Amino acid sequence: MRPSDKAWIALGVALVAGVGAWDALCPRGETLSDASRRYTQTHPLLTYGVIGTVVGHLAGWLHPAVDPIHLTGAGIRWITRRFHRRSTRPACTPVRERRRSRPRRWPGSGWPAIWTPLP
């Protein structure tokens, strides 16, 4: 079983347990389904847009260049890698010892490939 499979199982268990606990303990008329119906009545475009984005992302229908969930994850990954590299090099280390073990790529190559043309 791959790590992502374990994450999906853990997410499913947590989601079912959380929703079940909320539905059992919440005040009358405050279930998550009731809230979703209220959101659909007051903000239908936003509600269906969010639901459609999540479904499109999970089904793989959205190109990574326009998938906001993918872009958020790629941006966070890029930022953490960028600052992690800087924070692991002590400033007092001589320049010749600070060289990377692998050749440096062209600037910006760590950013996700969102600039590729759509097919």
C-alpha atoms as a PDB file:
ATOM      1  CA  MET A   1       0.000   0.000   0.000  1.00  0.00           C
ATOM      2  CA  ARG A   2       1.396   3.365  -1.017  1.00  0.00           C
ATOM      3  CA  PRO A   3       1.622   6.349   1.372  1.00  0.00           C
ATOM      4  CA  SER A   4      -1.092   8.217  -0.545  1.00  0.00           C
ATOM      5  CA  ASP A   5      -3.431   5.227  -0.098  1.00  0.00           C
ATOM      6  CA  LYS A   6      -2.828   5.322   3.645  1.00  0.00           C
ATOM      7  CA  ALA A   7      -3.495   9.066   3.652  1.00  0.00           C
ATOM      8  CA  TRP A   8      -6.826   8.563   1.831  1.00  0.00           C
ATOM      9  CA  ILE A   9      -7.860   5.883   4.332  1.00  0.00           C
ATOM     10  CA  ALA A  10      -6.920   8.112   7.274  1.00  0.00           C
ATOM     11  CA  LEU A  11      -8.735  11.062   5.707  1.00  0.00           C
ATOM     12  CA  GLY A  12     -11.843   8.948   5.084  1.00  0.00           C
ATOM     13  CA  VAL A  13     -11.888   7.613   8.646  1.00  0.00           C
ATOM     14  CA  ALA A  14     -11.378  11.090  10.101  1.00  0.00           C
ATOM     15  CA  LEU A  15     -14.051  12.571   7.837  1.00  0.00           C
ATOM     16  CA  VAL A  16     -16.633   9.890   8.654  1.00  0.00           C
ATOM     17  CA  ALA A  17     -15.858  10.127  12.376  1.00  0.00           C
ATOM     18  CA  GLY A  18     -15.957  13.921  12.361  1.00  0.00           C
ATOM     19  CA  VAL A  19     -19.196  14.206  10.386  1.00  0.00           C
ATOM     20  CA  GLY A  20     -20.814  11.463  12.460  1.00  0.00           C
ATOM     21  CA  ALA A  21     -19.797  13.125  15.716  1.00  0.00           C
ATOM     22  CA  TRP A  22     -21.025  16.540  14.540  1.00  0.00           C
ATOM     23  CA  ASP A  23     -24.346  15.156  13.329  1.00  0.00           C
ATOM     24  CA  ALA A  24     -24.844  13.402  16.673  1.00  0.00           C
ATOM     25  CA  LEU A  25     -23.924  16.395  18.847  1.00  0.00           C
ATOM     26  CA  CYS A  26     -24.983  19.476  16.845  1.00  0.00           C
ATOM     27  CA  PRO A  27     -28.061  21.598  17.548  1.00  0.00           C
ATOM     28  CA  ARG A  28     -31.195  20.894  15.524  1.00  0.00           C
ATOM     29  CA  GLY A  29     -30.942  22.274  11.972  1.00  0.00           C
ATOM     30  CA  GLU A  30     -27.146  22.734  12.102  1.00  0.00           C
ATOM     31  CA  THR A  31     -25.948  19.588  10.352  1.00  0.00           C
ATOM     32  CA  LEU A  32     -23.414  19.925   7.565  1.00  0.00           C
ATOM     33  CA  SER A  33     -26.094  18.985   5.034  1.00  0.00           C
ATOM     34  CA  ASP A  34     -28.334  21.772   6.322  1.00  0.00           C
ATOM     35  CA  ALA A  35     -25.466  24.244   6.051  1.00  0.00           C
ATOM     36  CA  SER A  36     -24.744  23.101   2.493  1.00  0.00           C
ATOM     37  CA  ARG A  37     -28.377  23.661   1.527  1.00  0.00           C
ATOM     38  CA  ARG A  38     -28.272  27.152   3.060  1.00  0.00           C
ATOM     39  CA  TYR A  39     -25.072  27.976   1.160  1.00  0.00           C
ATOM     40  CA  THR A  40     -26.602  26.732  -2.087  1.00  0.00           C
ATOM     41  CA  GLN A  41     -29.626  28.989  -1.587  1.00  0.00           C
ATOM     42  CA  THR A  42     -27.666  32.109  -0.626  1.00  0.00           C
ATOM     43  CA  HIS A  43     -24.506  31.686  -2.768  1.00  0.00           C
ATOM     44  CA  PRO A  44     -25.252  29.118  -5.488  1.00  0.00           C
ATOM     45  CA  LEU A  45     -22.441  30.092  -7.868  1.00  0.00           C
ATOM     46  CA  LEU A  46     -19.769  30.005  -5.183  1.00  0.00           C
ATOM     47  CA  THR A  47     -21.028  26.735  -3.683  1.00  0.00           C
ATOM     48  CA  TYR A  48     -21.224  24.889  -6.999  1.00  0.00           C
ATOM     49  CA  GLY A  49     -17.900  26.400  -8.062  1.00  0.00           C
ATOM     50  CA  VAL A  50     -16.108  25.069  -4.979  1.00  0.00           C
ATOM     51  CA  ILE A  51     -17.746  21.652  -5.294  1.00  0.00           C
ATOM     52  CA  GLY A  52     -16.926  21.528  -9.027  1.00  0.00           C
ATOM     53  CA  THR A  53     -13.308  22.524  -8.383  1.00  0.00           C
ATOM     54  CA  VAL A  54     -12.828  19.789  -5.790  1.00  0.00           C
ATOM     55  CA  VAL A  55     -14.487  17.167  -8.025  1.00  0.00           C
ATOM     56  CA  GLY A  56     -12.477  18.295 -11.057  1.00  0.00           C
ATOM     57  CA  HIS A  57      -9.247  18.137  -9.078  1.00  0.00           C
ATOM     58  CA  LEU A  58      -9.916  14.677  -7.640  1.00  0.00           C
ATOM     59  CA  ALA A  59     -11.091  13.265 -10.968  1.00  0.00           C
ATOM     60  CA  GLY A  60      -8.088  14.730 -12.804  1.00  0.00           C
ATOM     61  CA  TRP A  61     -10.236  16.802 -15.171  1.00  0.00           C
ATOM     62  CA  LEU A  62      -8.404  20.066 -14.512  1.00  0.00           C
ATOM     63  CA  HIS A  63      -5.068  20.843 -16.149  1.00  0.00           C
ATOM     64  CA  PRO A  64      -2.422  21.525 -13.470  1.00  0.00           C
ATOM     65  CA  ALA A  65      -1.957  25.048 -14.824  1.00  0.00           C
ATOM     66  CA  VAL A  66      -5.552  25.988 -13.949  1.00  0.00           C
ATOM     67  CA  ASP A  67      -6.166  23.707 -10.954  1.00  0.00           C
ATOM     68  CA  PRO A  68      -6.169  25.964  -7.866  1.00  0.00           C
ATOM     69  CA  ILE A  69      -5.691  23.053  -5.460  1.00  0.00           C
ATOM     70  CA  HIS A  70      -2.674  21.782  -7.395  1.00  0.00           C
ATOM     71  CA  LEU A  71      -1.215  25.283  -7.693  1.00  0.00           C
ATOM     72  CA  THR A  72      -1.606  25.876  -3.951  1.00  0.00           C
ATOM     73  CA  GLY A  73       0.231  22.651  -3.121  1.00  0.00           C
ATOM     74  CA  ALA A  74       2.951  23.313  -5.692  1.00  0.00           C
ATOM     75  CA  GLY A  75       3.433  26.848  -4.393  1.00  0.00           C
ATOM     76  CA  ILE A  76       3.743  25.693  -0.783  1.00  0.00           C
ATOM     77  CA  ARG A  77       6.176  22.963  -1.849  1.00  0.00           C
ATOM     78  CA  TRP A  78       8.250  25.497  -3.808  1.00  0.00           C
ATOM     79  CA  ILE A  79       8.344  27.960  -0.899  1.00  0.00           C
ATOM     80  CA  THR A  80       9.336  25.325   1.663  1.00  0.00           C
ATOM     81  CA  ARG A  81      12.107  23.977  -0.564  1.00  0.00           C
ATOM     82  CA  ARG A  82      13.394  27.448  -1.306  1.00  0.00           C
ATOM     83  CA  PHE A  83      13.590  28.552   2.324  1.00  0.00           C
ATOM     84  CA  HIS A  84      14.804  25.176   3.549  1.00  0.00           C
ATOM     85  CA  ARG A  85      17.841  25.357   1.243  1.00  0.00           C
ATOM     86  CA  ARG A  86      18.706  28.810   2.523  1.00  0.00           C
ATOM     87  CA  SER A  87      18.263  27.933   6.170  1.00  0.00           C
ATOM     88  CA  THR A  88      20.527  24.836   6.032  1.00  0.00           C
ATOM     89  CA  ARG A  89      23.608  26.744   4.838  1.00  0.00           C
ATOM     90  CA  PRO A  90      25.400  28.434   7.722  1.00  0.00           C
ATOM     91  CA  ALA A  91      26.644  31.922   6.915  1.00  0.00           C
ATOM     92  CA  CYS A  92      30.065  31.267   8.460  1.00  0.00           C
ATOM     93  CA  THR A  93      30.890  28.376   6.107  1.00  0.00           C
ATOM     94  CA  PRO A  94      33.579  29.244   3.540  1.00  0.00           C
ATOM     95  CA  VAL A  95      32.362  29.650  -0.035  1.00  0.00           C
ATOM     96  CA  ARG A  96      34.163  26.579  -1.396  1.00  0.00           C
ATOM     97  CA  GLU A  97      32.398  24.361   1.167  1.00  0.00           C
ATOM     98  CA  ARG A  98      29.002  25.854   0.367  1.00  0.00           C
ATOM     99  CA  ARG A  99      28.992  24.447  -3.159  1.00  0.00           C
ATOM    100  CA  ARG A 100      26.122  22.175  -3.981  1.00  0.00           C
ATOM    101  CA  SER A 101      26.713  18.510  -4.619  1.00  0.00           C
ATOM    102  CA  ARG A 102      24.616  18.736  -7.787  1.00  0.00           C
ATOM    103  CA  PRO A 103      24.807  21.431 -10.448  1.00  0.00           C
ATOM    104  CA  ARG A 104      22.537  24.422 -10.013  1.00  0.00           C
ATOM    105  CA  ARG A 105      19.589  24.547 -12.367  1.00  0.00           C
ATOM    106  CA  TRP A 106      18.486  27.662 -14.181  1.00  0.00           C
ATOM    107  CA  PRO A 107      16.648  30.174 -11.955  1.00  0.00           C
ATOM    108  CA  GLY A 108      13.043  29.407 -11.296  1.00  0.00           C
ATOM    109  CA  SER A 109      13.250  25.762 -12.323  1.00  0.00           C
ATOM    110  CA  GLY A 110      11.923  24.688  -8.947  1.00  0.00           C
ATOM    111  CA  TRP A 111       8.576  26.343  -9.664  1.00  0.00           C
ATOM    112  CA  PRO A 112       5.900  24.047 -11.093  1.00  0.00           C
ATOM    113  CA  ALA A 113       5.623  23.884 -14.843  1.00  0.00           C
ATOM    114  CA  ILE A 114       2.549  26.079 -15.165  1.00  0.00           C
ATOM    115  CA  TRP A 115       3.917  28.041 -18.084  1.00  0.00           C
ATOM    116  CA  THR A 116       3.752  25.130 -20.503  1.00  0.00           C
ATOM    117  CA  PRO A 117       1.184  25.621 -23.268  1.00  0.00           C
ATOM    118  CA  LEU A 118      -2.079  23.743 -22.953  1.00  0.00           C
ATOM    119  CA  PRO A 119      -2.471  20.829 -25.383  1.00  0.00           C
END
